[in-house]
Protein backbone atom coordinates (compact mmCIF):
# COMPACT_ATOMS: atom_id res chain seq x y z
CA UNK A 1 -0.03 0.09 0.02
CA UNK A 2 1.27 3.39 -1.04
CA UNK A 3 0.61 6.73 0.60
CA UNK A 4 0.01 9.73 -1.58
CA UNK A 5 -0.62 11.88 1.44
CA UNK A 6 -1.12 11.26 5.24
CA UNK A 7 -4.89 10.82 4.82
CA UNK A 8 -5.40 9.18 1.28
CA UNK A 9 -4.06 5.64 0.55
CA UNK A 10 -3.44 4.03 -2.93
CA UNK A 11 -3.75 0.26 -3.17
CA UNK A 12 -1.85 -1.97 -5.39
CA UNK A 13 -4.39 -1.84 -8.20
CA UNK A 14 -4.22 2.18 -8.12
CA UNK A 15 -7.49 2.86 -6.25
CA UNK A 16 -7.33 5.89 -3.96
CA UNK A 17 -9.36 5.82 -0.76
CA UNK A 18 -9.57 7.54 2.46
CA UNK A 19 -7.28 6.43 4.99
CA UNK A 20 -9.63 4.95 7.80
CA UNK A 21 -10.65 1.37 6.36
CA UNK A 22 -7.03 0.57 6.06
CA UNK A 23 -6.70 -2.99 4.42
CA UNK A 24 -9.44 -4.71 6.27
CA UNK A 25 -11.63 -6.28 3.48
CA UNK A 26 -15.01 -5.73 5.08
CA UNK A 27 -14.11 -2.17 6.05
CA UNK A 28 -12.81 -1.30 2.54
CA UNK A 29 -16.13 -2.65 1.17
CA UNK A 30 -18.20 -0.48 3.48
CA UNK A 31 -16.01 2.45 2.43
CA UNK A 32 -16.16 1.83 -1.29
CA UNK A 33 -20.10 0.71 -1.41
CA UNK A 34 -21.79 2.33 1.41
CA UNK A 35 -20.33 5.19 3.32
CA UNK A 36 -21.37 8.42 1.78
CA UNK A 37 -24.18 7.02 -0.57
CA UNK A 38 -27.41 8.71 -0.15
CA UNK A 39 -30.03 6.68 1.95
CA UNK A 40 -33.65 7.48 1.52
CA UNK A 41 -35.10 4.33 2.81
CA UNK A 42 -36.68 4.83 6.29
CA UNK A 43 -35.96 1.49 7.71
CA UNK A 44 -32.21 1.99 6.61
CA UNK A 45 -32.05 5.32 7.95
CA UNK A 46 -33.43 4.14 11.52
CA UNK A 47 -30.93 1.33 11.17
CA UNK A 48 -28.03 3.62 10.81
CA UNK A 49 -29.00 5.78 13.63
CA UNK A 50 -29.50 2.86 16.03
CA UNK A 51 -26.19 1.39 15.01
CA UNK A 52 -24.30 4.67 15.39
CA UNK A 53 -25.69 4.84 18.75
CA UNK A 54 -24.63 1.37 19.68
CA UNK A 55 -21.02 2.29 18.35
CA UNK A 56 -20.61 4.95 20.84
CA UNK A 57 -17.47 4.05 22.84
CA UNK A 58 -16.66 1.19 20.39
CA UNK A 59 -15.14 0.88 16.93
CA UNK A 60 -17.56 0.98 13.95
CA UNK A 61 -15.73 -2.22 12.56
CA UNK A 62 -17.05 -3.98 15.76
CA UNK A 63 -20.61 -2.83 14.92
CA UNK A 64 -20.22 -3.60 11.14
CA UNK A 65 -19.26 -7.12 11.85
CA UNK A 66 -22.27 -7.56 14.07
CA UNK A 67 -24.84 -5.89 11.80
CA UNK A 68 -26.44 -9.01 10.63
CA UNK A 69 -27.00 -10.04 14.14
CA UNK A 70 -28.41 -6.59 15.04
CA UNK A 71 -30.84 -6.99 11.92
CA UNK A 72 -32.01 -10.23 13.07
CA UNK A 73 -32.42 -9.01 16.63
CA UNK A 74 -34.28 -5.90 15.89
CA UNK A 75 -36.80 -7.24 13.17
CA UNK A 76 -34.87 -6.06 10.35
CA UNK A 77 -35.06 -2.46 11.79
CA UNK A 78 -38.74 -2.28 11.00
CA UNK A 79 -39.27 0.47 13.57
CA UNK A 80 -43.13 -0.25 13.61
CA UNK A 81 -42.21 -3.73 14.97
CA UNK A 82 -39.42 -2.41 17.16
CA UNK A 83 -41.77 0.13 18.83
CA UNK A 84 -43.75 -2.57 20.29
CA UNK A 85 -40.95 -4.30 21.99
CA UNK A 86 -41.40 -4.96 25.68
CA UNK A 87 -39.51 -6.08 28.69
CA UNK A 88 -39.49 -9.62 27.32
CA UNK A 89 -37.74 -8.50 24.18
CA UNK A 90 -35.32 -6.37 26.29
CA UNK A 91 -34.40 -9.42 28.20
CA UNK A 92 -34.00 -11.48 24.90
CA UNK A 93 -31.66 -8.67 23.61
CA UNK A 94 -29.62 -8.49 26.75
CA UNK A 95 -29.04 -12.37 26.28
CA UNK A 96 -28.02 -12.13 22.74
CA UNK A 97 -24.24 -12.42 22.62
CA UNK A 98 -24.41 -11.44 18.77
CA UNK A 99 -25.17 -7.87 19.55
CA UNK A 100 -23.82 -5.19 22.03
CA UNK A 101 -25.67 -5.93 25.25
CA UNK A 102 -26.10 -2.57 26.60
CA UNK A 103 -29.46 -1.83 28.26
CA UNK A 104 -29.39 1.90 27.83
CA UNK A 105 -28.72 1.50 24.14
CA UNK A 106 -31.26 -1.26 23.69
CA UNK A 107 -33.94 0.88 25.47
CA UNK A 108 -32.67 3.76 23.31
CA UNK A 109 -33.48 1.83 20.07
CA UNK A 110 -37.00 0.85 21.14
CA UNK A 111 -37.61 4.65 22.19
CA UNK A 112 -36.29 5.78 18.96
CA UNK A 113 -38.53 3.41 17.14
CA UNK A 114 -41.51 4.80 18.96
CA UNK A 115 -40.43 8.41 18.21
CA UNK A 116 -40.00 7.47 14.63
CA UNK A 117 -43.43 6.21 14.31
CA UNK A 118 -44.62 9.62 15.63
CA UNK A 119 -42.43 11.44 13.30
CA UNK A 120 -43.49 9.46 10.08
CA UNK A 121 -47.17 10.14 10.97
CA UNK A 122 -46.34 13.84 11.27
CA UNK A 123 -43.77 14.28 8.32
CA UNK A 124 -44.71 11.51 5.94
CA UNK A 125 -41.35 9.70 6.11
CA UNK A 126 -38.26 9.65 8.29
CA UNK A 127 -36.45 10.47 5.15
CA UNK A 128 -38.16 13.46 4.50
CA UNK A 129 -37.56 14.88 7.92
CA UNK A 130 -33.85 13.88 7.99
CA UNK A 131 -32.92 15.17 4.63
CA UNK A 132 -34.17 18.76 5.34
CA UNK A 133 -30.96 18.91 7.39
CA UNK A 134 -28.79 18.34 4.40
CA UNK A 135 -26.18 21.11 4.47
CA UNK A 136 -25.56 23.16 1.34
CA UNK A 137 -21.85 23.00 1.63
CA UNK A 138 -19.01 21.49 3.70
CA UNK A 139 -18.89 22.79 7.27
CA UNK A 140 -15.54 22.86 8.69
CA UNK A 141 -12.43 20.75 8.65
CA UNK A 142 -11.19 18.29 11.15
CA UNK A 143 -8.62 19.58 13.87
CA UNK A 144 -6.24 16.86 12.88
CA UNK A 145 -6.21 17.58 9.24
CA UNK A 146 -7.97 14.72 7.63
CA UNK A 147 -10.63 17.01 6.42
CA UNK A 148 -13.44 15.11 8.31
CA UNK A 149 -14.94 16.91 11.33
CA UNK A 150 -16.44 15.28 14.44
CA UNK A 151 -19.47 17.71 14.71
CA UNK A 152 -20.65 20.53 12.74
CA UNK A 153 -23.37 23.22 13.18
CA UNK A 154 -25.85 21.15 11.19
CA UNK A 155 -25.26 17.96 13.22
CA UNK A 156 -25.80 19.99 16.57
CA UNK A 157 -29.03 21.45 15.01
CA UNK A 158 -30.37 17.81 13.95
CA UNK A 159 -29.17 16.40 17.31
CA UNK A 160 -31.06 19.12 19.23
CA UNK A 161 -34.18 18.60 16.92
CA UNK A 162 -34.24 14.99 17.72
CA UNK A 163 -33.69 15.11 21.31
CA UNK A 164 -36.40 17.60 21.59
CA UNK A 165 -38.73 14.89 20.03
CA UNK A 166 -37.54 12.57 22.69
CA UNK A 167 -34.84 10.76 20.75
CA UNK A 168 -32.04 9.23 22.87
CA UNK A 169 -28.32 8.46 22.11
CA UNK A 170 -28.21 11.21 19.36
CA UNK A 171 -25.81 13.43 20.38
CA UNK A 172 -24.05 15.74 17.63
CA UNK A 173 -21.12 13.41 17.14
CA UNK A 174 -23.31 10.27 16.78
CA UNK A 175 -25.61 12.45 14.43
CA UNK A 176 -22.60 13.73 12.32
CA UNK A 177 -21.46 10.00 11.88
CA UNK A 178 -24.92 9.05 10.72
CA UNK A 179 -25.00 12.05 8.31
CA UNK A 180 -21.58 10.80 6.97
CA UNK A 181 -22.84 7.27 6.64
CA UNK A 182 -26.03 8.07 4.82
CA UNK A 183 -24.74 10.65 2.35
CA UNK A 184 -26.26 13.85 3.77
CA UNK A 185 -22.56 14.90 3.78
CA UNK A 186 -20.13 13.52 1.43
CA UNK A 187 -16.92 13.43 3.50
CA UNK A 188 -14.76 11.25 1.27
CA UNK A 189 -11.55 13.15 0.81
CA UNK A 190 -11.01 15.02 -2.53
CA UNK A 191 -8.46 12.70 -3.81
CA UNK A 192 -10.47 9.53 -2.71
CA UNK A 193 -11.98 7.75 -5.91
CA UNK A 194 -15.26 7.08 -4.12
CA UNK A 195 -16.02 10.78 -3.62
CA UNK A 196 -17.15 11.20 -7.12
CA UNK A 197 -19.34 8.23 -7.10
CA UNK A 198 -21.14 9.44 -4.04
CA UNK A 199 -21.53 12.89 -5.61
CA UNK A 200 -23.11 11.25 -8.68
CA UNK A 201 -25.37 9.14 -6.49
CA UNK A 202 -26.62 12.20 -4.56
CA UNK A 203 -27.41 13.77 -7.90
CA UNK A 204 -29.52 10.93 -8.95
CA UNK A 205 -31.37 10.42 -5.59
CA UNK A 206 -35.06 11.34 -5.26
CA UNK A 207 -35.43 12.94 -1.77
CA UNK A 208 -39.15 12.48 -0.33
CA UNK A 209 -40.67 15.79 0.42
CA UNK A 210 -41.94 16.94 3.87
CA UNK A 211 -45.72 16.44 4.32
CA UNK A 212 -47.09 20.10 4.69
């Protein structure tokens, strides 16, 4: 692997990537095929918010490798189903070694499913609500020079808006990671080959409109 800068890496086939997936195959696949691509499906948006919440204090690779277990445990992230989870489901999830067994995060996922149902009733879809927070341009740079900040003014606004609605584990850092993962922002570095692909995907995406 050859470095062209401190933050962009070029593999043996000449593909330039952001530094963070390293050489780990499943991480590279996530970087190339998911991270930064626009997500407009409500179930997948809820999934990303839940998983980013579970990631707090852990590595994303840990969560990525448990994602299929999470999907099985949380009804495919169908928030209408998760919203009806009860104490028996919480006990089941706390006993599931395939996921992260953290009561607070499990209870937050159920709470957020309930809040999601409410939001969909009001706004028409989770996507239409979330995508209204898409910033018009890049907001700041990372303090360590990678070009990828930890939070932005928009992530702070979205975090506050969700918390006001009763969502949990949606601090501005978690929310910004969610925005990066779902394509609300394109934080692939300029020299990363995937950046242009994400830009094109955003141009082709149809964003649901808020119910008025």
